[in-house]
Protein backbone atom coordinates (compact mmCIF):
# COMPACT_ATOMS: atom_id res chain seq x y z
CA MET A 1 -5.72 -20.12 -4.65
CA THR A 2 -7.96 -17.41 -4.57
CA ASP A 3 -6.27 -16.57 -1.38
CA ASP A 4 -3.71 -15.03 -3.46
CA LEU A 5 -5.60 -13.12 -5.66
CA THR A 6 -7.09 -11.35 -2.46
CA ARG A 7 -3.21 -11.04 -1.68
CA THR A 8 -2.49 -9.61 -4.73
CA ILE A 9 -5.24 -7.04 -4.79
CA SER A 10 -4.81 -5.47 -1.59
CA ALA A 11 -0.89 -5.11 -1.63
CA MET A 12 -1.75 -3.18 -4.86
CA TYR A 13 -4.00 -0.55 -2.72
CA ARG A 14 -1.07 -0.79 0.12
CA SER A 15 1.26 0.57 -2.87
CA LEU A 16 -0.99 3.01 -3.79
CA GLY A 17 1.11 6.51 -3.91
CA ASP A 18 4.23 4.65 -5.46
CA ARG A 19 3.16 4.50 -9.49
CA PRO A 20 6.14 1.60 -10.14
CA ALA A 21 4.96 -0.84 -7.50
CA PHE A 22 1.19 0.02 -7.82
CA ASP A 23 1.72 -0.60 -11.54
CA ALA A 24 3.97 -3.45 -10.75
CA HIS A 25 0.45 -5.26 -10.28
CA LEU A 26 -1.06 -4.39 -13.89
CA HIS A 27 -0.25 -5.67 -16.87
CA PRO A 28 1.23 -3.15 -19.24
CA ASP A 29 -1.81 -3.75 -21.93
CA LEU A 30 -4.66 -4.12 -19.67
CA THR A 31 -7.69 -2.57 -20.45
CA ILE A 32 -9.67 -0.16 -18.33
CA TRP A 33 -13.61 0.97 -17.73
CA GLU A 34 -13.95 3.77 -14.52
CA SER A 35 -16.80 5.70 -13.88
CA ASP A 36 -14.95 8.92 -14.75
CA ALA A 37 -13.92 7.94 -18.18
CA ASP A 38 -16.52 8.19 -21.10
CA ASP A 39 -14.19 5.26 -23.05
CA LEU A 40 -12.48 1.98 -22.74
CA LEU A 41 -9.15 2.60 -22.17
CA THR A 42 -5.57 0.32 -22.87
CA GLY A 43 -2.44 0.43 -21.67
CA LEU A 44 -0.74 1.92 -19.11
CA ALA A 45 -0.01 5.52 -20.49
CA ALA A 46 -3.67 5.69 -21.09
CA LEU A 47 -3.92 5.17 -16.80
CA HIS A 48 -1.33 7.27 -16.30
CA ASP A 49 -3.40 10.41 -18.06
CA LEU A 50 -6.41 9.16 -16.29
CA ARG A 51 -4.78 9.75 -13.28
CA ASP A 52 -3.15 12.86 -14.00
CA ARG A 53 -6.26 14.46 -15.13
CA ARG A 54 -7.95 13.29 -11.68
CA ALA A 55 -4.91 14.72 -9.87
CA SER A 56 -5.49 18.23 -11.42
CA HIS A 57 -9.55 18.78 -10.70
CA ARG A 58 -8.81 17.50 -7.26
CA SER A 59 -10.44 19.61 -4.38
CA GLY A 60 -9.25 19.49 -0.78
CA PRO A 61 -7.20 16.85 0.66
CA PRO A 62 -6.48 13.04 -0.41
CA PRO A 63 -8.60 10.15 1.25
CA VAL A 64 -7.14 8.80 3.99
CA SER A 65 -7.08 5.22 3.34
CA VAL A 66 -7.85 3.28 0.13
CA ALA A 67 -8.31 -0.10 0.62
CA PRO A 68 -10.42 -3.01 -0.60
CA GLU A 69 -13.30 -5.40 1.12
CA ARG A 70 -16.14 -7.83 0.56
CA PHE A 71 -13.69 -9.63 -1.91
CA HIS A 72 -15.38 -12.85 -4.17
CA ALA A 73 -12.46 -14.09 -6.35
CA GLU A 74 -12.46 -17.16 -8.49
CA SER A 75 -9.72 -18.64 -10.43
CA TRP A 76 -9.62 -21.14 -13.17
CA GLY A 77 -6.26 -22.08 -14.38
CA ASP A 78 -4.24 -18.82 -15.21
CA THR A 79 -7.05 -16.80 -14.52
CA GLY A 80 -8.39 -14.76 -11.83
CA LEU A 81 -11.58 -13.02 -11.44
CA VAL A 82 -11.74 -10.67 -8.41
CA ARG A 83 -14.74 -8.45 -6.94
CA TYR A 84 -15.10 -5.96 -4.44
CA VAL A 85 -15.57 -2.83 -2.91
CA LEU A 86 -12.64 -0.44 -3.03
CA ARG A 87 -13.50 2.31 -0.41
CA ALA A 88 -11.30 5.85 0.08
CA ARG A 89 -11.67 7.32 3.76
CA HIS A 90 -11.49 10.84 4.44
CA GLY A 91 -10.25 12.12 7.40
CA ASP A 92 -12.87 14.98 7.60
CA ASP A 93 -16.38 15.00 7.29
CA ARG A 94 -17.00 13.95 3.93
CA PRO A 95 -18.98 10.54 3.22
CA ASP A 96 -16.52 7.29 1.92
CA ASP A 97 -16.25 7.30 -1.78
CA CYS A 98 -17.00 3.37 -2.64
CA PHE A 99 -16.48 1.23 -5.65
CA ARG A 100 -17.53 -1.85 -6.81
CA VAL A 101 -14.80 -3.07 -8.52
CA THR A 102 -13.76 -6.36 -11.08
CA ASP A 103 -10.46 -7.25 -12.15
CA VAL A 104 -9.75 -9.76 -14.31
CA LEU A 105 -5.95 -11.22 -13.45
CA ARG A 106 -3.99 -13.56 -15.21
CA ARG A 107 -0.84 -15.65 -13.20
CA ASP A 108 2.51 -13.95 -14.86
CA GLY A 109 5.27 -16.52 -13.27
CA ASP A 110 4.79 -16.43 -9.54
CA THR A 111 2.54 -13.49 -9.89
CA TRP A 112 -0.92 -13.01 -10.61
CA ARG A 113 -1.27 -9.68 -12.71
CA ILE A 114 -4.55 -7.62 -13.48
CA VAL A 115 -5.30 -7.53 -17.58
CA HIS A 116 -8.83 -5.85 -17.21
CA HIS A 117 -10.27 -3.56 -14.68
CA HIS A 118 -13.81 -1.94 -13.81
CA ALA A 119 -14.40 0.46 -11.68
CA GLU A 120 -18.20 1.79 -10.63
CA ALA A 121 -18.40 4.34 -8.05
CA VAL A 122 -21.72 3.81 -6.21
CA ARG A 123 -23.48 6.31 -3.56
């Protein structure tokens, strides 16, 4: 079952750049803690606002790849917990951006959806 969780996270990041496909992995009422957001965010609308703010402040080209690595996953019935490092690689001489991530997932039929996402930038 933990393989299902890590496949869900990997599939979500493979769809990065396609909001509807990415957001299909998220519960509409999810909660979000992010390093660059001062408050707890609730729901997809708040996530869309954060994404739009980030895009308006971006300098330089976007990363050439964003992928999770170093998974630690557990599940208890219809609840899952996945911890991982999210690495953004750049095509120039900038260092990788890395984030420690914890996602709480809930089974929704045959799929898993994230109900809480916590990401912290690390240097």
